[in-house]
Amino acid sequence: MSKLYVHLPDRITKNIRERATETGYTVERVVADTLKSTFANAPKKSKSLSERERALRALIAAGLVRPSKNSSRAIRRVSAKRRAELAKAFSKGKPLSEIVIEDRGERV
């Protein structure tokens, strides 16, 4: 048996608490039962889905989370070229290390 500590958005926590109230179970039991039922029948390894995506699907299947428009969209890494473009667009013209040092001022 393992213990997991997770941080969930408030809307998900609210849904879980509502389910616990409806069923008379504790929040922990609702989450544990949901994950057990979902992952007990899941394939051993799914190379096409990340752990995050499988967990999200489990929560959606249990009715604890409503799917969003972006829930099925794959997360793509940003290319080095795009990172450089974004850095220029959002930078203040100095390296972050210099900004941090200036911000510290006399506190160093």
PDB file of N, CA and C in Angstrom:
ATOM      1  N   MET A   1       0.863  -1.163   0.000  1.00  0.00           N
ATOM      2  CA  MET A   1       0.000   0.000   0.000  1.00  0.00           C
ATOM      3  C   MET A   1       0.911   1.227   0.000  1.00  0.00           C
ATOM      4  N   SER A   2       0.547   2.240  -0.773  1.00  0.00           N
ATOM      5  CA  SER A   2       1.330   3.472  -0.866  1.00  0.00           C
ATOM      6  C   SER A   2       0.452   4.669  -0.552  1.00  0.00           C
ATOM      7  N   LYS A   3       1.097   5.732  -0.081  1.00  0.00           N
ATOM      8  CA  LYS A   3       0.401   6.989   0.133  1.00  0.00           C
ATOM      9  C   LYS A   3       0.857   7.964  -0.931  1.00  0.00           C
ATOM     10  N   LEU A   4      -0.075   8.693  -1.490  1.00  0.00           N
ATOM     11  CA  LEU A   4       0.236   9.725  -2.470  1.00  0.00           C
ATOM     12  C   LEU A   4      -0.289  11.056  -1.962  1.00  0.00           C
ATOM     13  N   TYR A   5       0.482  12.069  -2.187  1.00  0.00           N
ATOM     14  CA  TYR A   5       0.044  13.420  -1.847  1.00  0.00           C
ATOM     15  C   TYR A   5      -0.042  14.194  -3.145  1.00  0.00           C
ATOM     16  N   VAL A   6      -1.222  14.704  -3.446  1.00  0.00           N
ATOM     17  CA  VAL A   6      -1.420  15.423  -4.701  1.00  0.00           C
ATOM     18  C   VAL A   6      -2.013  16.797  -4.429  1.00  0.00           C
ATOM     19  N   HIS A   7      -1.694  17.704  -5.301  1.00  0.00           N
ATOM     20  CA  HIS A   7      -2.279  19.035  -5.252  1.00  0.00           C
ATOM     21  C   HIS A   7      -3.270  19.118  -6.405  1.00  0.00           C
ATOM     22  N   LEU A   8      -4.520  19.397  -6.076  1.00  0.00           N
ATOM     23  CA  LEU A   8      -5.570  19.456  -7.083  1.00  0.00           C
ATOM     24  C   LEU A   8      -6.158  20.854  -7.143  1.00  0.00           C
ATOM     25  N   PRO A   9      -6.602  21.259  -8.322  1.00  0.00           N
ATOM     26  CA  PRO A   9      -7.286  22.550  -8.423  1.00  0.00           C
ATOM     27  C   PRO A   9      -8.542  22.552  -7.553  1.00  0.00           C
ATOM     28  N   ASP A  10      -8.930  23.724  -7.113  1.00  0.00           N
ATOM     29  CA  ASP A  10     -10.090  23.852  -6.225  1.00  0.00           C
ATOM     30  C   ASP A  10     -11.354  23.247  -6.825  1.00  0.00           C
ATOM     31  N   ARG A  11     -11.542  23.393  -8.124  1.00  0.00           N
ATOM     32  CA  ARG A  11     -12.778  22.863  -8.740  1.00  0.00           C
ATOM     33  C   ARG A  11     -12.835  21.349  -8.655  1.00  0.00           C
ATOM     34  N   ILE A  12     -11.685  20.690  -8.765  1.00  0.00           N
ATOM     35  CA  ILE A  12     -11.656  19.232  -8.658  1.00  0.00           C
ATOM     36  C   ILE A  12     -11.912  18.812  -7.217  1.00  0.00           C
ATOM     37  N   THR A  13     -11.276  19.510  -6.288  1.00  0.00           N
ATOM     38  CA  THR A  13     -11.483  19.208  -4.875  1.00  0.00           C
ATOM     39  C   THR A  13     -12.954  19.376  -4.512  1.00  0.00           C
ATOM     40  N   LYS A  14     -13.578  20.402  -5.039  1.00  0.00           N
ATOM     41  CA  LYS A  14     -15.001  20.639  -4.777  1.00  0.00           C
ATOM     42  C   LYS A  14     -15.839  19.467  -5.284  1.00  0.00           C
ATOM     43  N   ASN A  15     -15.539  18.993  -6.496  1.00  0.00           N
ATOM     44  CA  ASN A  15     -16.285  17.855  -7.053  1.00  0.00           C
ATOM     45  C   ASN A  15     -16.106  16.603  -6.205  1.00  0.00           C
ATOM     46  N   ILE A  16     -14.891  16.386  -5.736  1.00  0.00           N
ATOM     47  CA  ILE A  16     -14.622  15.206  -4.908  1.00  0.00           C
ATOM     48  C   ILE A  16     -15.378  15.307  -3.590  1.00  0.00           C
ATOM     49  N   ARG A  17     -15.356  16.485  -2.983  1.00  0.00           N
ATOM     50  CA  ARG A  17     -16.075  16.661  -1.705  1.00  0.00           C
ATOM     51  C   ARG A  17     -17.576  16.474  -1.878  1.00  0.00           C
ATOM     52  N   GLU A  18     -18.112  16.974  -2.998  1.00  0.00           N
ATOM     53  CA  GLU A  18     -19.545  16.789  -3.265  1.00  0.00           C
ATOM     54  C   GLU A  18     -19.875  15.305  -3.403  1.00  0.00           C
ATOM     55  N   ARG A  19     -19.008  14.564  -4.102  1.00  0.00           N
ATOM     56  CA  ARG A  19     -19.227  13.123  -4.266  1.00  0.00           C
ATOM     57  C   ARG A  19     -19.162  12.423  -2.913  1.00  0.00           C
ATOM     58  N   ALA A  20     -18.233  12.851  -2.061  1.00  0.00           N
ATOM     59  CA  ALA A  20     -18.107  12.250  -0.727  1.00  0.00           C
ATOM     60  C   ALA A  20     -19.370  12.515   0.087  1.00  0.00           C
ATOM     61  N   THR A  21     -19.886  13.721   0.015  1.00  0.00           N
ATOM     62  CA  THR A  21     -21.110  14.062   0.743  1.00  0.00           C
ATOM     63  C   THR A  21     -22.290  13.234   0.238  1.00  0.00           C
ATOM     64  N   GLU A  22     -22.389  13.105  -1.086  1.00  0.00           N
ATOM     65  CA  GLU A  22     -23.489  12.344  -1.685  1.00  0.00           C
ATOM     66  C   GLU A  22     -23.459  10.872  -1.270  1.00  0.00           C
ATOM     67  N   THR A  23     -22.265  10.316  -1.204  1.00  0.00           N
ATOM     68  CA  THR A  23     -22.141   8.885  -0.923  1.00  0.00           C
ATOM     69  C   THR A  23     -21.975   8.564   0.562  1.00  0.00           C
ATOM     70  N   GLY A  24     -21.621   9.583   1.352  1.00  0.00           N
ATOM     71  CA  GLY A  24     -21.387   9.354   2.769  1.00  0.00           C
ATOM     72  C   GLY A  24     -19.995   8.803   3.067  1.00  0.00           C
ATOM     73  N   TYR A  25     -19.130   8.794   2.066  1.00  0.00           N
ATOM     74  CA  TYR A  25     -17.761   8.330   2.240  1.00  0.00           C
ATOM     75  C   TYR A  25     -16.842   9.503   2.541  1.00  0.00           C
ATOM     76  N   THR A  26     -15.632   9.180   2.978  1.00  0.00           N
ATOM     77  CA  THR A  26     -14.633  10.225   3.178  1.00  0.00           C
ATOM     78  C   THR A  26     -14.075  10.631   1.813  1.00  0.00           C
ATOM     79  N   VAL A  27     -13.460  11.792   1.781  1.00  0.00           N
ATOM     80  CA  VAL A  27     -12.825  12.267   0.550  1.00  0.00           C
ATOM     81  C   VAL A  27     -11.762  11.276   0.102  1.00  0.00           C
ATOM     82  N   GLU A  28     -10.972  10.790   1.063  1.00  0.00           N
ATOM     83  CA  GLU A  28      -9.910   9.846   0.744  1.00  0.00           C
ATOM     84  C   GLU A  28     -10.466   8.574   0.101  1.00  0.00           C
ATOM     85  N   ARG A  29     -11.582   8.088   0.638  1.00  0.00           N
ATOM     86  CA  ARG A  29     -12.153   6.857   0.090  1.00  0.00           C
ATOM     87  C   ARG A  29     -12.688   7.084  -1.319  1.00  0.00           C
ATOM     88  N   VAL A  30     -13.313   8.240  -1.562  1.00  0.00           N
ATOM     89  CA  VAL A  30     -13.826   8.541  -2.902  1.00  0.00           C
ATOM     90  C   VAL A  30     -12.683   8.532  -3.913  1.00  0.00           C
ATOM     91  N   VAL A  31     -11.592   9.208  -3.564  1.00  0.00           N
ATOM     92  CA  VAL A  31     -10.446   9.262  -4.477  1.00  0.00           C
ATOM     93  C   VAL A  31      -9.843   7.879  -4.660  1.00  0.00           C
ATOM     94  N   ALA A  32      -9.626   7.159  -3.568  1.00  0.00           N
ATOM     95  CA  ALA A  32      -9.023   5.826  -3.644  1.00  0.00           C
ATOM     96  C   ALA A  32      -9.889   4.870  -4.459  1.00  0.00           C
ATOM     97  N   ASP A  33     -11.194   4.859  -4.206  1.00  0.00           N
ATOM     98  CA  ASP A  33     -12.093   3.966  -4.939  1.00  0.00           C
ATOM     99  C   ASP A  33     -12.110   4.300  -6.431  1.00  0.00           C
ATOM    100  N   THR A  34     -12.108   5.595  -6.732  1.00  0.00           N
ATOM    101  CA  THR A  34     -12.118   6.028  -8.131  1.00  0.00           C
ATOM    102  C   THR A  34     -10.856   5.571  -8.846  1.00  0.00           C
ATOM    103  N   LEU A  35      -9.724   5.785  -8.214  1.00  0.00           N
ATOM    104  CA  LEU A  35      -8.464   5.391  -8.841  1.00  0.00           C
ATOM    105  C   LEU A  35      -8.339   3.873  -8.935  1.00  0.00           C
ATOM    106  N   LYS A  36      -8.778   3.169  -7.903  1.00  0.00           N
ATOM    107  CA  LYS A  36      -8.727   1.701  -7.939  1.00  0.00           C
ATOM    108  C   LYS A  36      -9.545   1.162  -9.098  1.00  0.00           C
ATOM    109  N   SER A  37     -10.785   1.632  -9.209  1.00  0.00           N
ATOM    110  CA  SER A  37     -11.657   1.103 -10.264  1.00  0.00           C
ATOM    111  C   SER A  37     -11.137   1.455 -11.646  1.00  0.00           C
ATOM    112  N   THR A  38     -10.510   2.591 -11.772  1.00  0.00           N
ATOM    113  CA  THR A  38     -10.004   2.991 -13.079  1.00  0.00           C
ATOM    114  C   THR A  38      -8.736   2.246 -13.452  1.00  0.00           C
ATOM    115  N   PHE A  39      -7.798   2.176 -12.530  1.00  0.00           N
ATOM    116  CA  PHE A  39      -6.504   1.586 -12.860  1.00  0.00           C
ATOM    117  C   PHE A  39      -6.474   0.068 -12.698  1.00  0.00           C
ATOM    118  N   ALA A  40      -7.441  -0.498 -12.031  1.00  0.00           N
ATOM    119  CA  ALA A  40      -7.476  -1.955 -11.882  1.00  0.00           C
ATOM    120  C   ALA A  40      -7.680  -2.626 -13.241  1.00  0.00           C
ATOM    121  N   ASN A  41      -8.428  -1.976 -14.110  1.00  0.00           N
ATOM    122  CA  ASN A  41      -8.725  -2.543 -15.423  1.00  0.00           C
ATOM    123  C   ASN A  41      -7.884  -1.931 -16.530  1.00  0.00           C
ATOM    124  N   ALA A  42      -7.003  -1.028 -16.181  1.00  0.00           N
ATOM    125  CA  ALA A  42      -6.180  -0.372 -17.196  1.00  0.00           C
ATOM    126  C   ALA A  42      -5.074  -1.311 -17.662  1.00  0.00           C
ATOM    127  N   PRO A  43      -4.648  -1.146 -18.909  1.00  0.00           N
ATOM    128  CA  PRO A  43      -3.536  -1.958 -19.377  1.00  0.00           C
ATOM    129  C   PRO A  43      -2.281  -1.668 -18.559  1.00  0.00           C
ATOM    130  N   LYS A  44      -1.394  -2.641 -18.481  1.00  0.00           N
ATOM    131  CA  LYS A  44      -0.184  -2.497 -17.672  1.00  0.00           C
ATOM    132  C   LYS A  44       0.621  -1.272 -18.086  1.00  0.00           C
ATOM    133  N   LYS A  45       0.846  -1.109 -19.386  1.00  0.00           N
ATOM    134  CA  LYS A  45       1.591   0.045 -19.867  1.00  0.00           C
ATOM    135  C   LYS A  45       0.925   0.565 -21.117  1.00  0.00           C
ATOM    136  N   SER A  46       0.741   1.846 -21.149  1.00  0.00           N
ATOM    137  CA  SER A  46       0.196   2.481 -22.332  1.00  0.00           C
ATOM    138  C   SER A  46       1.216   3.506 -22.795  1.00  0.00           C
ATOM    139  N   LYS A  47       1.940   3.157 -23.822  1.00  0.00           N
ATOM    140  CA  LYS A  47       3.004   4.035 -24.286  1.00  0.00           C
ATOM    141  C   LYS A  47       2.440   5.294 -24.945  1.00  0.00           C
ATOM    142  N   SER A  48       1.207   5.222 -25.414  1.00  0.00           N
ATOM    143  CA  SER A  48       0.661   6.371 -26.116  1.00  0.00           C
ATOM    144  C   SER A  48       0.150   7.452 -25.159  1.00  0.00           C
ATOM    145  N   LEU A  49      -0.135   7.101 -23.905  1.00  0.00           N
ATOM    146  CA  LEU A  49      -0.650   8.076 -22.953  1.00  0.00           C
ATOM    147  C   LEU A  49       0.329   8.282 -21.808  1.00  0.00           C
ATOM    148  N   SER A  50       0.474   9.530 -21.405  1.00  0.00           N
ATOM    149  CA  SER A  50       1.328   9.830 -20.256  1.00  0.00           C
ATOM    150  C   SER A  50       0.580   9.483 -18.976  1.00  0.00           C
ATOM    151  N   GLU A  51       1.308   9.408 -17.881  1.00  0.00           N
ATOM    152  CA  GLU A  51       0.685   9.144 -16.580  1.00  0.00           C
ATOM    153  C   GLU A  51      -0.319  10.237 -16.253  1.00  0.00           C
ATOM    154  N   ARG A  52       0.038  11.470 -16.588  1.00  0.00           N
ATOM    155  CA  ARG A  52      -0.849  12.610 -16.348  1.00  0.00           C
ATOM    156  C   ARG A  52      -2.163  12.453 -17.118  1.00  0.00           C
ATOM    157  N   GLU A  53      -2.064  12.077 -18.381  1.00  0.00           N
ATOM    158  CA  GLU A  53      -3.254  11.908 -19.205  1.00  0.00           C
ATOM    159  C   GLU A  53      -4.117  10.756 -18.699  1.00  0.00           C
ATOM    160  N   ARG A  54      -3.488   9.651 -18.280  1.00  0.00           N
ATOM    161  CA  ARG A  54      -4.270   8.523 -17.739  1.00  0.00           C
ATOM    162  C   ARG A  54      -4.998   8.922 -16.459  1.00  0.00           C
ATOM    163  N   ALA A  55      -4.319   9.675 -15.585  1.00  0.00           N
ATOM    164  CA  ALA A  55      -4.956  10.127 -14.343  1.00  0.00           C
ATOM    165  C   ALA A  55      -6.111  11.069 -14.644  1.00  0.00           C
ATOM    166  N   LEU A  56      -5.903  11.973 -15.589  1.00  0.00           N
ATOM    167  CA  LEU A  56      -6.973  12.900 -15.966  1.00  0.00           C
ATOM    168  C   LEU A  56      -8.172  12.139 -16.521  1.00  0.00           C
ATOM    169  N   ARG A  57      -7.918  11.165 -17.357  1.00  0.00           N
ATOM    170  CA  ARG A  57      -9.022  10.363 -17.903  1.00  0.00           C
ATOM    171  C   ARG A  57      -9.757   9.601 -16.805  1.00  0.00           C
ATOM    172  N   ALA A  58      -9.015   9.135 -15.808  1.00  0.00           N
ATOM    173  CA  ALA A  58      -9.649   8.425 -14.696  1.00  0.00           C
ATOM    174  C   ALA A  58     -10.579   9.352 -13.934  1.00  0.00           C
ATOM    175  N   LEU A  59     -10.129  10.565 -13.683  1.00  0.00           N
ATOM    176  CA  LEU A  59     -10.961  11.533 -12.957  1.00  0.00           C
ATOM    177  C   LEU A  59     -12.181  11.932 -13.778  1.00  0.00           C
ATOM    178  N   ILE A  60     -12.011  12.067 -15.082  1.00  0.00           N
ATOM    179  CA  ILE A  60     -13.144  12.392 -15.959  1.00  0.00           C
ATOM    180  C   ILE A  60     -14.142  11.233 -15.966  1.00  0.00           C
ATOM    181  N   ALA A  61     -13.640  10.010 -16.098  1.00  0.00           N
ATOM    182  CA  ALA A  61     -14.510   8.833 -16.133  1.00  0.00           C
ATOM    183  C   ALA A  61     -15.308   8.692 -14.838  1.00  0.00           C
ATOM    184  N   ALA A  62     -14.710   9.101 -13.739  1.00  0.00           N
ATOM    185  CA  ALA A  62     -15.387   9.003 -12.441  1.00  0.00           C
ATOM    186  C   ALA A  62     -16.367  10.146 -12.223  1.00  0.00           C
ATOM    187  N   GLY A  63     -16.375  11.102 -13.126  1.00  0.00           N
ATOM    188  CA  GLY A  63     -17.274  12.242 -12.978  1.00  0.00           C
ATOM    189  C   GLY A  63     -16.779  13.282 -11.997  1.00  0.00           C
ATOM    190  N   LEU A  64     -15.514  13.207 -11.638  1.00  0.00           N
ATOM    191  CA  LEU A  64     -14.956  14.169 -10.688  1.00  0.00           C
ATOM    192  C   LEU A  64     -14.419  15.408 -11.377  1.00  0.00           C
ATOM    193  N   VAL A  65     -14.177  15.309 -12.665  1.00  0.00           N
ATOM    194  CA  VAL A  65     -13.651  16.430 -13.442  1.00  0.00           C
ATOM    195  C   VAL A  65     -14.410  16.476 -14.758  1.00  0.00           C
ATOM    196  N   ARG A  66     -14.728  17.690 -15.190  1.00  0.00           N
ATOM    197  CA  ARG A  66     -15.340  17.837 -16.498  1.00  0.00           C
ATOM    198  C   ARG A  66     -14.225  18.026 -17.517  1.00  0.00           C
ATOM    199  N   PRO A  67     -14.304  17.344 -18.657  1.00  0.00           N
ATOM    200  CA  PRO A  67     -13.250  17.503 -19.648  1.00  0.00           C
ATOM    201  C   PRO A  67     -13.252  18.921 -20.200  1.00  0.00           C
ATOM    202  N   SER A  68     -12.069  19.430 -20.447  1.00  0.00           N
ATOM    203  CA  SER A  68     -11.961  20.760 -21.042  1.00  0.00           C
ATOM    204  C   SER A  68     -11.591  20.602 -22.501  1.00  0.00           C
ATOM    205  N   LYS A  69     -11.636  21.700 -23.213  1.00  0.00           N
ATOM    206  CA  LYS A  69     -11.296  21.662 -24.632  1.00  0.00           C
ATOM    207  C   LYS A  69      -9.857  21.210 -24.832  1.00  0.00           C
ATOM    208  N   ASN A  70      -8.988  21.519 -23.870  1.00  0.00           N
ATOM    209  CA  ASN A  70      -7.573  21.215 -24.017  1.00  0.00           C
ATOM    210  C   ASN A  70      -7.161  19.881 -23.408  1.00  0.00           C
ATOM    211  N   SER A  71      -8.091  19.142 -22.800  1.00  0.00           N
ATOM    212  CA  SER A  71      -7.695  17.942 -22.061  1.00  0.00           C
ATOM    213  C   SER A  71      -7.125  16.851 -22.951  1.00  0.00           C
ATOM    214  N   SER A  72      -7.541  16.799 -24.213  1.00  0.00           N
ATOM    215  CA  SER A  72      -7.029  15.746 -25.082  1.00  0.00           C
ATOM    216  C   SER A  72      -5.872  16.226 -25.952  1.00  0.00           C
ATOM    217  N   ARG A  73      -5.577  17.504 -25.888  1.00  0.00           N
ATOM    218  CA  ARG A  73      -4.495  18.042 -26.714  1.00  0.00           C
ATOM    219  C   ARG A  73      -3.144  17.643 -26.123  1.00  0.00           C
ATOM    220  N   ALA A  74      -2.286  17.160 -26.955  1.00  0.00           N
ATOM    221  CA  ALA A  74      -0.953  16.762 -26.494  1.00  0.00           C
ATOM    222  C   ALA A  74      -0.136  18.000 -26.137  1.00  0.00           C
ATOM    223  N   ILE A  75       0.657  17.874 -25.102  1.00  0.00           N
ATOM    224  CA  ILE A  75       1.528  18.963 -24.708  1.00  0.00           C
ATOM    225  C   ILE A  75       2.785  18.862 -25.561  1.00  0.00           C
ATOM    226  N   ARG A  76       3.115  19.951 -26.224  1.00  0.00           N
ATOM    227  CA  ARG A  76       4.295  19.948 -27.081  1.00  0.00           C
ATOM    228  C   ARG A  76       5.382  20.808 -26.471  1.00  0.00           C
ATOM    229  N   ARG A  77       6.586  20.368 -26.615  1.00  0.00           N
ATOM    230  CA  ARG A  77       7.720  21.141 -26.125  1.00  0.00           C
ATOM    231  C   ARG A  77       7.957  22.316 -27.057  1.00  0.00           C
ATOM    232  N   VAL A  78       8.455  23.393 -26.477  1.00  0.00           N
ATOM    233  CA  VAL A  78       8.753  24.589 -27.253  1.00  0.00           C
ATOM    234  C   VAL A  78      10.164  24.447 -27.808  1.00  0.00           C
ATOM    235  N   SER A  79      10.322  24.751 -29.085  1.00  0.00           N
ATOM    236  CA  SER A  79      11.642  24.643 -29.706  1.00  0.00           C
ATOM    237  C   SER A  79      12.574  25.718 -29.160  1.00  0.00           C
ATOM    238  N   ALA A  80      13.857  25.499 -29.329  1.00  0.00           N
ATOM    239  CA  ALA A  80      14.853  26.469 -28.865  1.00  0.00           C
ATOM    240  C   ALA A  80      14.656  27.805 -29.563  1.00  0.00           C
ATOM    241  N   LYS A  81      14.323  27.769 -30.836  1.00  0.00           N
ATOM    242  CA  LYS A  81      14.093  29.007 -31.595  1.00  0.00           C
ATOM    243  C   LYS A  81      12.910  29.779 -31.005  1.00  0.00           C
ATOM    244  N   ARG A  82      11.821  29.069 -30.723  1.00  0.00           N
ATOM    245  CA  ARG A  82      10.623  29.723 -30.162  1.00  0.00           C
ATOM    246  C   ARG A  82      10.904  30.258 -28.762  1.00  0.00           C
ATOM    247  N   ARG A  83      11.676  29.517 -27.959  1.00  0.00           N
ATOM    248  CA  ARG A  83      12.049  30.006 -26.623  1.00  0.00           C
ATOM    249  C   ARG A  83      12.817  31.316 -26.726  1.00  0.00           C
ATOM    250  N   ALA A  84      13.733  31.389 -27.691  1.00  0.00           N
ATOM    251  CA  ALA A  84      14.508  32.621 -27.887  1.00  0.00           C
ATOM    252  C   ALA A  84      13.599  33.776 -28.283  1.00  0.00           C
ATOM    253  N   GLU A  85      12.624  33.498 -29.163  1.00  0.00           N
ATOM    254  CA  GLU A  85      11.665  34.534 -29.568  1.00  0.00           C
ATOM    255  C   GLU A  85      10.855  35.023 -28.373  1.00  0.00           C
ATOM    256  N   LEU A  86      10.392  34.086 -27.556  1.00  0.00           N
ATOM    257  CA  LEU A  86       9.608  34.454 -26.375  1.00  0.00           C
ATOM    258  C   LEU A  86      10.451  35.210 -25.356  1.00  0.00           C
ATOM    259  N   ALA A  87      11.697  34.799 -25.214  1.00  0.00           N
ATOM    260  CA  ALA A  87      12.595  35.483 -24.276  1.00  0.00           C
ATOM    261  C   ALA A  87      12.772  36.940 -24.688  1.00  0.00           C
ATOM    262  N   LYS A  88      12.941  37.178 -25.988  1.00  0.00           N
ATOM    263  CA  LYS A  88      13.080  38.558 -26.468  1.00  0.00           C
ATOM    264  C   LYS A  88      11.797  39.348 -26.238  1.00  0.00           C
ATOM    265  N   ALA A  89      10.682  38.707 -26.518  1.00  0.00           N
ATOM    266  CA  ALA A  89       9.388  39.398 -26.411  1.00  0.00           C
ATOM    267  C   ALA A  89       9.057  39.787 -24.975  1.00  0.00           C
ATOM    268  N   PHE A  90       9.470  38.966 -24.015  1.00  0.00           N
ATOM    269  CA  PHE A  90       9.094  39.216 -22.631  1.00  0.00           C
ATOM    270  C   PHE A  90      10.229  39.728 -21.755  1.00  0.00           C
ATOM    271  N   SER A  91      11.418  39.847 -22.305  1.00  0.00           N
ATOM    272  CA  SER A  91      12.546  40.283 -21.480  1.00  0.00           C
ATOM    273  C   SER A  91      12.548  41.796 -21.319  1.00  0.00           C
ATOM    274  N   LYS A  92      13.277  42.233 -20.322  1.00  0.00           N
ATOM    275  CA  LYS A  92      13.435  43.663 -20.075  1.00  0.00           C
ATOM    276  C   LYS A  92      14.789  44.135 -20.588  1.00  0.00           C
ATOM    277  N   GLY A  93      15.420  43.340 -21.413  1.00  0.00           N
ATOM    278  CA  GLY A  93      16.685  43.725 -21.999  1.00  0.00           C
ATOM    279  C   GLY A  93      17.897  43.293 -21.205  1.00  0.00           C
ATOM    280  N   LYS A  94      17.695  42.645 -20.072  1.00  0.00           N
ATOM    281  CA  LYS A  94      18.801  42.194 -19.229  1.00  0.00           C
ATOM    282  C   LYS A  94      18.616  40.715 -18.925  1.00  0.00           C
ATOM    283  N   PRO A  95      19.706  40.049 -18.614  1.00  0.00           N
ATOM    284  CA  PRO A  95      19.562  38.656 -18.161  1.00  0.00           C
ATOM    285  C   PRO A  95      18.824  38.613 -16.821  1.00  0.00           C
ATOM    286  N   LEU A  96      18.088  37.564 -16.601  1.00  0.00           N
ATOM    287  CA  LEU A  96      17.320  37.414 -15.371  1.00  0.00           C
ATOM    288  C   LEU A  96      18.211  37.496 -14.138  1.00  0.00           C
ATOM    289  N   SER A  97      19.408  36.959 -14.222  1.00  0.00           N
ATOM    290  CA  SER A  97      20.314  36.996 -13.063  1.00  0.00           C
ATOM    291  C   SER A  97      20.612  38.434 -12.643  1.00  0.00           C
ATOM    292  N   GLU A  98      20.774  39.329 -13.608  1.00  0.00           N
ATOM    293  CA  GLU A  98      21.027  40.739 -13.276  1.00  0.00           C
ATOM    294  C   GLU A  98      19.795  41.389 -12.654  1.00  0.00           C
ATOM    295  N   ILE A  99      18.632  41.060 -13.158  1.00  0.00           N
ATOM    296  CA  ILE A  99      17.389  41.615 -12.618  1.00  0.00           C
ATOM    297  C   ILE A  99      17.220  41.181 -11.170  1.00  0.00           C
ATOM    298  N   VAL A 100      17.499  39.912 -10.878  1.00  0.00           N
ATOM    299  CA  VAL A 100      17.368  39.390  -9.515  1.00  0.00           C
ATOM    300  C   VAL A 100      18.349  40.097  -8.584  1.00  0.00           C
ATOM    301  N   ILE A 101      19.582  40.256  -9.020  1.00  0.00           N
ATOM    302  CA  ILE A 101      20.597  40.926  -8.196  1.00  0.00           C
ATOM    303  C   ILE A 101      20.190  42.363  -7.910  1.00  0.00           C
ATOM    304  N   GLU A 102      19.703  43.072  -8.922  1.00  0.00           N
ATOM    305  CA  GLU A 102      19.261  44.448  -8.721  1.00  0.00           C
ATOM    306  C   GLU A 102      18.070  44.513  -7.768  1.00  0.00           C
ATOM    307  N   ASP A 103      17.187  43.550  -7.889  1.00  0.00           N
ATOM    308  CA  ASP A 103      15.993  43.525  -7.049  1.00  0.00           C
ATOM    309  C   ASP A 103      16.353  43.287  -5.591  1.00  0.00           C
ATOM    310  N   ARG A 104      17.390  42.509  -5.351  1.00  0.00           N
ATOM    311  CA  ARG A 104      17.828  42.240  -3.973  1.00  0.00           C
ATOM    312  C   ARG A 104      18.380  43.504  -3.328  1.00  0.00           C
ATOM    313  N   GLY A 105      19.057  44.300  -4.103  1.00  0.00           N
ATOM    314  CA  GLY A 105      19.594  45.567  -3.601  1.00  0.00           C
ATOM    315  C   GLY A 105      20.441  45.376  -2.380  1.00  0.00           C
ATOM    316  N   GLU A 106      20.070  46.046  -1.311  1.00  0.00           N
ATOM    317  CA  GLU A 106      20.854  46.057  -0.066  1.00  0.00           C
ATOM    318  C   GLU A 106      20.651  44.790   0.768  1.00  0.00           C
ATOM    319  N   ARG A 107      19.716  43.950   0.399  1.00  0.00           N
ATOM    320  CA  ARG A 107      19.407  42.771   1.208  1.00  0.00           C
ATOM    321  C   ARG A 107      20.465  41.685   1.109  1.00  0.00           C
ATOM    322  N   VAL A 108      21.386  41.796   0.212  1.00  0.00           N
ATOM    323  CA  VAL A 108      22.385  40.743   0.018  1.00  0.00           C
ATOM    324  C   VAL A 108      23.362  40.677   1.128  1.00  0.00           C
TER     325      VAL A 108
END
